Each structure stands twice: as structure tokens, then as C-alpha cells.
Protein backbone atom coordinates (compact mmCIF):
# COMPACT_ATOMS: atom_id res chain seq x y z
CA UNK A 1 -8.07 -34.89 6.10
CA UNK A 2 -6.76 -32.75 3.23
CA UNK A 3 -8.70 -29.72 4.51
CA UNK A 4 -7.11 -30.25 8.11
CA UNK A 5 -3.59 -30.57 6.42
CA UNK A 6 -4.17 -27.24 4.35
CA UNK A 7 -5.40 -25.61 7.53
CA UNK A 8 -2.27 -26.54 9.36
CA UNK A 9 -0.19 -25.42 6.25
CA UNK A 10 -1.77 -21.98 6.50
CA UNK A 11 -1.33 -21.57 10.06
CA UNK A 12 2.33 -22.60 9.79
CA UNK A 13 2.94 -20.20 6.88
CA UNK A 14 1.38 -17.41 8.86
CA UNK A 15 3.57 -18.00 11.69
CA UNK A 16 6.75 -18.21 9.26
CA UNK A 17 5.59 -14.81 7.72
CA UNK A 18 5.41 -13.21 11.23
CA UNK A 19 8.80 -14.61 12.11
CA UNK A 20 10.22 -13.07 9.12
CA UNK A 21 8.72 -9.72 9.61
CA UNK A 22 9.89 -9.58 13.16
CA UNK A 23 13.54 -10.34 12.20
CA UNK A 24 13.54 -7.57 9.36
CA UNK A 25 11.55 -4.94 11.41
CA UNK A 26 13.36 -4.87 14.85
CA UNK A 27 16.61 -3.56 13.87
CA UNK A 28 14.81 -0.56 12.73
CA UNK A 29 12.71 0.23 15.76
CA UNK A 30 14.09 2.92 17.82
CA UNK A 31 17.26 3.26 15.64
CA UNK A 32 18.91 6.58 15.35
CA UNK A 33 18.11 8.52 12.37
CA UNK A 34 14.96 6.45 11.28
CA UNK A 35 13.09 8.62 8.68
CA UNK A 36 9.69 8.23 6.84
CA UNK A 37 8.29 9.20 3.46
CA UNK A 38 4.91 10.58 3.37
CA UNK A 39 2.42 8.83 1.17
CA UNK A 40 -0.48 11.29 1.65
CA UNK A 41 -1.13 14.29 -0.65
CA UNK A 42 -2.60 15.96 2.39
CA UNK A 43 -1.75 15.36 6.00
CA UNK A 44 0.90 12.69 7.02
CA UNK A 45 0.58 8.95 6.15
CA UNK A 46 4.28 7.67 6.92
CA UNK A 47 6.01 4.74 5.35
CA UNK A 48 9.53 3.66 6.34
CA UNK A 49 12.21 1.41 5.21
CA UNK A 50 11.13 -1.05 7.69
CA UNK A 51 7.51 -1.22 6.24
CA UNK A 52 8.92 -1.91 2.83
CA UNK A 53 11.46 -4.42 3.98
CA UNK A 54 8.87 -6.35 6.07
CA UNK A 55 6.62 -6.71 3.22
CA UNK A 56 9.20 -7.84 0.93
CA UNK A 57 10.37 -10.53 3.37
CA UNK A 58 6.79 -11.82 3.73
CA UNK A 59 6.41 -12.01 0.00
CA UNK A 60 9.68 -13.94 -0.27
CA UNK A 61 8.45 -16.42 2.27
CA UNK A 62 5.04 -16.65 0.38
CA UNK A 63 6.65 -17.21 -2.96
CA UNK A 64 8.57 -20.20 -1.45
CA UNK A 65 5.72 -22.05 0.65
CA UNK A 66 2.56 -20.99 -1.27
CA UNK A 67 3.18 -19.58 -4.72
CA UNK A 68 -0.19 -20.12 -5.94
CA UNK A 69 -1.92 -17.71 -3.33
CA UNK A 70 -2.90 -14.21 -4.07
CA UNK A 71 -1.14 -11.35 -2.03
CA UNK A 72 -2.67 -7.78 -1.22
CA UNK A 73 -0.03 -5.79 0.74
CA UNK A 74 -0.16 -2.12 1.89
CA UNK A 75 3.10 -1.22 0.32
CA UNK A 76 3.23 -3.26 -2.95
CA UNK A 77 -0.30 -3.62 -3.78
CA UNK A 78 -2.06 -6.82 -5.44
CA UNK A 79 -0.36 -9.92 -6.82
CA UNK A 80 -2.75 -12.44 -8.43
CA UNK A 81 -3.12 -16.18 -7.63
CA UNK A 82 -4.92 -19.17 -8.65
CA UNK A 83 -5.48 -21.09 -5.50
CA UNK A 84 -8.66 -19.07 -4.12
CA UNK A 85 -6.80 -17.77 -1.18
CA UNK A 86 -5.37 -14.34 -0.72
CA UNK A 87 -3.06 -13.20 1.83
CA UNK A 88 -3.85 -9.68 3.24
CA UNK A 89 -0.99 -7.85 4.87
CA UNK A 90 -0.14 -4.83 6.63
CA UNK A 91 3.71 -4.96 7.39
CA UNK A 92 3.37 -2.44 10.08
CA UNK A 93 0.15 -1.32 11.33
CA UNK A 94 0.86 1.81 13.25
CA UNK A 95 3.85 3.33 11.46
CA UNK A 96 2.99 6.55 13.31
CA UNK A 97 3.64 4.52 16.55
CA UNK A 98 6.61 3.01 15.16
CA UNK A 99 8.20 6.30 14.24
CA UNK A 100 7.48 7.65 17.90
CA UNK A 101 9.05 4.67 19.70
CA UNK A 102 6.04 3.44 21.23
CA UNK A 103 5.44 -0.59 21.14
CA UNK A 104 1.91 -0.74 20.14
CA UNK A 105 2.55 -1.14 16.29
CA UNK A 106 2.17 -4.66 14.87
CA UNK A 107 2.13 -6.86 12.01
CA UNK A 108 -1.14 -7.87 10.58
CA UNK A 109 -1.41 -11.10 8.51
CA UNK A 110 -4.79 -12.46 7.14
CA UNK A 111 -5.60 -15.18 4.67
CA UNK A 112 -9.10 -14.95 3.00
CA UNK A 113 -11.28 -16.84 0.62
CA UNK A 114 -14.20 -15.55 -1.37
CA UNK A 115 -16.24 -15.13 1.77
CA UNK A 116 -13.80 -12.97 3.87
CA UNK A 117 -10.94 -13.83 6.42
CA UNK A 118 -10.70 -17.25 7.32
CA UNK A 119 -7.51 -16.95 9.59
CA UNK A 120 -5.66 -14.03 11.13
CA UNK A 121 -2.52 -13.18 12.97
CA UNK A 122 -1.82 -9.89 15.02
CA UNK A 123 1.87 -10.00 15.97
CA UNK A 124 3.40 -7.39 18.53
CA UNK A 125 7.23 -8.00 17.64
CA UNK A 126 8.76 -5.60 20.38
CA UNK A 127 6.71 -6.84 23.25
CA UNK A 128 6.73 -10.56 21.99
CA UNK A 129 2.94 -11.11 21.93
CA UNK A 130 1.16 -12.76 19.18
CA UNK A 131 -2.48 -13.35 18.61
CA UNK A 132 -4.06 -15.84 16.37
CA UNK A 133 -7.59 -16.96 15.38
CA UNK A 134 -9.24 -19.22 12.75
CA UNK A 135 -9.79 -22.89 11.76
CA UNK A 136 -11.51 -23.52 15.19
CA UNK A 137 -9.01 -21.88 17.57
CA UNK A 138 -8.07 -18.65 19.06
CA UNK A 139 -4.82 -18.22 21.09
CA UNK A 140 -2.02 -15.99 22.09
CA UNK A 141 1.48 -16.37 23.14
CA UNK A 142 3.86 -14.20 24.76
CA UNK A 143 6.51 -13.65 27.60
CA UNK A 144 4.17 -15.11 29.98
CA UNK A 145 3.53 -18.15 28.12
CA UNK A 146 0.26 -18.84 26.27
CA UNK A 147 -3.42 -18.72 26.74
CA UNK A 148 -6.61 -19.20 24.80
CA UNK A 149 -8.49 -16.06 23.71
CA UNK A 150 -12.17 -15.42 24.68
CA UNK A 151 -13.88 -12.04 24.62
CA UNK A 152 -15.94 -10.40 27.43
CA UNK A 153 -19.36 -11.39 27.86
CA UNK A 154 -22.39 -9.31 27.35
CA UNK A 155 -22.55 -5.99 29.25
CA UNK A 156 -24.31 -2.47 28.69
CA UNK A 157 -22.30 0.25 26.95
CA UNK A 158 -22.34 2.06 30.22
CA UNK A 159 -20.04 -0.61 31.63
CA UNK A 160 -17.98 -0.87 28.53
CA UNK A 161 -14.29 0.02 27.70
CA UNK A 162 -14.11 1.74 24.20
CA UNK A 163 -10.99 2.35 22.11
CA UNK A 164 -10.20 4.18 18.81
CA UNK A 165 -6.90 5.16 17.40
CA UNK A 166 -7.34 8.73 16.57
CA UNK A 167 -9.61 11.18 18.55
CA UNK A 168 -11.06 12.57 15.20
CA UNK A 169 -11.94 8.98 14.07
CA UNK A 170 -12.90 9.99 10.50
CA UNK A 171 -15.01 12.84 8.89
CA UNK A 172 -16.93 15.25 11.35
CA UNK A 173 -20.19 13.01 11.26
CA UNK A 174 -18.02 9.99 12.10
CA UNK A 175 -16.39 11.66 14.79
CA UNK A 176 -19.66 12.84 16.31
CA UNK A 177 -21.05 9.48 16.01
CA UNK A 178 -18.07 7.97 18.05
CA UNK A 179 -18.24 10.64 20.70
CA UNK A 180 -21.85 9.77 21.27
CA UNK A 181 -20.87 6.08 22.01
CA UNK A 182 -17.85 7.28 24.06
CA UNK A 183 -20.22 9.71 26.16
CA UNK A 184 -22.13 6.51 27.17
CA UNK A 185 -19.27 4.29 28.06
CA UNK A 186 -17.33 3.62 31.14
CA UNK A 187 -13.94 4.26 29.90
CA UNK A 188 -12.77 5.51 26.40
CA UNK A 189 -8.87 5.33 25.50
CA UNK A 190 -7.01 6.24 22.23
CA UNK A 191 -3.93 5.49 20.14
CA UNK A 192 -3.47 1.72 20.20
CA UNK A 193 -3.71 0.77 16.51
CA UNK A 194 -4.02 -3.00 15.91
CA UNK A 195 -3.12 -3.73 19.59
CA UNK A 196 -6.80 -2.54 20.68
CA UNK A 197 -8.24 -5.43 18.66
CA UNK A 198 -5.98 -7.87 20.18
CA UNK A 199 -7.13 -6.67 23.42
CA UNK A 200 -10.96 -7.37 22.41
CA UNK A 201 -9.88 -10.78 21.70
CA UNK A 202 -8.24 -11.14 24.97
CA UNK A 203 -11.07 -10.23 27.01
CA UNK A 204 -9.61 -6.92 28.17
CA UNK A 205 -11.86 -4.26 26.32
CA UNK A 206 -15.30 -4.24 24.76
CA UNK A 207 -15.41 -2.21 21.67
CA UNK A 208 -13.02 -0.68 19.04
CA UNK A 209 -14.58 1.76 16.68
CA UNK A 210 -12.88 3.27 13.60
CA UNK A 211 -13.34 4.67 10.07
CA UNK A 212 -11.51 4.92 6.93
CA UNK A 213 -9.81 1.55 7.19
CA UNK A 214 -8.45 -0.37 4.39
CA UNK A 215 -8.78 -4.15 3.79
CA UNK A 216 -5.33 -4.93 5.22
CA UNK A 217 -6.12 -2.84 8.46
CA UNK A 218 -8.91 -5.01 9.57
CA UNK A 219 -8.91 -8.45 7.94
CA UNK A 220 -6.65 -10.17 10.48
CA UNK A 221 -8.26 -8.46 13.59
CA UNK A 222 -11.71 -9.78 12.06
CA UNK A 223 -10.41 -13.34 12.05
CA UNK A 224 -8.91 -13.24 15.49
CA UNK A 225 -11.70 -11.51 17.31
CA UNK A 226 -14.44 -13.78 15.72
CA UNK A 227 -12.52 -16.83 16.57
CA UNK A 228 -12.40 -15.52 20.14
CA UNK A 229 -16.15 -15.06 20.22
CA UNK A 230 -16.50 -11.56 19.12
CA UNK A 231 -18.33 -9.53 16.44
CA UNK A 232 -16.64 -7.30 13.81
CA UNK A 233 -18.94 -5.34 11.41
CA UNK A 234 -19.40 -2.04 9.60
CA UNK A 235 -21.51 0.57 11.20
CA UNK A 236 -24.63 -0.78 9.60
CA UNK A 237 -24.12 -4.29 10.70
CA UNK A 238 -22.73 -5.58 7.51
CA UNK A 239 -19.50 -7.10 6.49
CA UNK A 240 -16.33 -5.17 7.33
CA UNK A 241 -13.69 -7.03 5.57
CA UNK A 242 -13.15 -4.36 2.82
CA UNK A 243 -12.53 -1.82 5.39
CA UNK A 244 -14.31 1.60 5.87
CA UNK A 245 -16.26 2.06 9.04
CA UNK A 246 -15.69 -0.72 11.61
CA UNK A 247 -16.96 -1.66 15.04
CA UNK A 248 -15.28 -4.59 16.90
CA UNK A 249 -17.25 -5.75 19.77
CA UNK A 250 -16.67 -8.36 22.52
CA UNK A 251 -20.32 -9.63 22.68
CA UNK A 252 -23.77 -8.96 21.29
CA UNK A 253 -24.92 -6.37 23.93
CA UNK A 254 -21.91 -4.09 23.42
CA UNK A 255 -22.14 -4.37 19.64
CA UNK A 256 -25.96 -3.66 19.58
CA UNK A 257 -25.92 -0.55 21.62
CA UNK A 258 -22.98 0.87 19.74
CA UNK A 259 -24.57 -0.05 16.43
CA UNK A 260 -27.78 1.74 17.47
CA UNK A 261 -25.87 5.02 17.63
CA UNK A 262 -23.44 4.51 14.69
CA UNK A 263 -25.82 3.26 12.16
CA UNK A 264 -27.54 6.80 12.23
CA UNK A 265 -24.18 8.51 11.07
CA UNK A 266 -24.92 9.53 7.54
CA UNK A 267 -23.43 7.37 4.88
CA UNK A 268 -20.63 9.26 2.75
């Protein structure tokens, strides 16, 4: 009973965090004069006032509801805890999309123990959809109501829909590996950030393949997709919760055929 009560507390807390982030972020979206700082030494890795404010709001809720849990956040780093649970937070996944006014950015909230993510939530504030998974259930809510999540069934790569965020994927070897998978797939699309992972869980697409991820980019999608029946690993078939190269698949056949190609990409 205590375990079930704790699970419900974690779920309720995750929704409270997502609600707090929505309230803070939405006034910034498509607002005149929104600017970004560049976190990258080379290239463009933007962060906005909305990213920082959302993570601060999330941390404030956690301080009140679960002060003994650890936190890992993209913008403000790691805060230690004593409970054995860690909240892994990306306050805006897809800041480039956010800056561009497209609605596919989201808030990623995961809670992990020593084995990896045990519950995750992908929230899409502007379009009003929320995807969650863990503790024995996987479900979405949105403008059209709610529904259970279930990934697509086994199908060959030649009948699969594949997504990635950036056409270059990662380094040249990683891009070549992705292109080999894409060449065999039925359809390839780009640029959805965390929403692509939600579409795997919702049974709309078959594969998301990315590289260069951080733990806060992938832990929430792992929990949601696995709860919906899918598979998330690194390109060698191992755990992906620390980030790096990731393949998220709807079912075993798609995963195996993609991995047969991706596992040959040289390790860095």
C-alpha cells in the first residue's frame, strides 16, 4: 500500500510540475521581442527567459512537495537528495522550435531511481496534450479528451515511419548511419523534438533516432514509450537513460532492423 501511495504522490507531483511550467512558459511563447542567449561555444544552443523561469517554477514545487528528492535540470544543474529518487527535468525541450513559434516544443519531466526512469511525462503546453507513462499505465490527455497509449505492432523497416530532429543527426558517421536506416524506411520526417517520442507512444510512428542527447532529453520519453509497449536503447542495444545515441522503437522488429544498421556505426 505504501508503494502505491508513493507512486500516486509521484504522479500527482509530476502533473503539478507540468502545470506550473505551462503557466510560466505560455506568456513567453510568440511574444514580441523574445530573445535567447547562446550556451554553445560553437554553433547555436539557445536558452530563453522562459526556460529558466520554468525550471525555477518546477524546482519551487518540488521543494514544497518532495524536498528529499534529487533534481537534475538542464538550466540549473544537479541538486542532491536523500530519498533515492531523482527528478530529471528539461523545462523546454525544443528551444529552437520555441523561438521559431512552432508548437512542437515540450516540457520533459522524469523521475528515476538507481535503475533509470520509472515514470515520465511529456507535456505540450501550447497544443494542450500531455503524455505520461509508468507505474503500470500509459495515457494521454488533450483537447479531444483522453486515451490509453499503445505503440504500433511489429512491422518491417520498409513499412516504418522514422523521425529525427536534425537532418545531420550528429557527427558524420552518425549521420551516415541514420541515412542508411532512412533509405530503407517508408517515410522519414524531421524537426519534432520531444513530440516525435510522444508519437511513438501514441502509435503514430515507428522510430526516432538521435545522437548527442543528454539525460534530461531522453529519460521522460523512455518512461512514456516503454509504458506504452515500445523499446528505447542506445545504438548498441544497451541502456539509453544517460543520453548519447538513442533509438526509440514501437516494437521489436523495427528496433532490431534499425539496430542492425546503427550498431555498425563506429563508437566515438
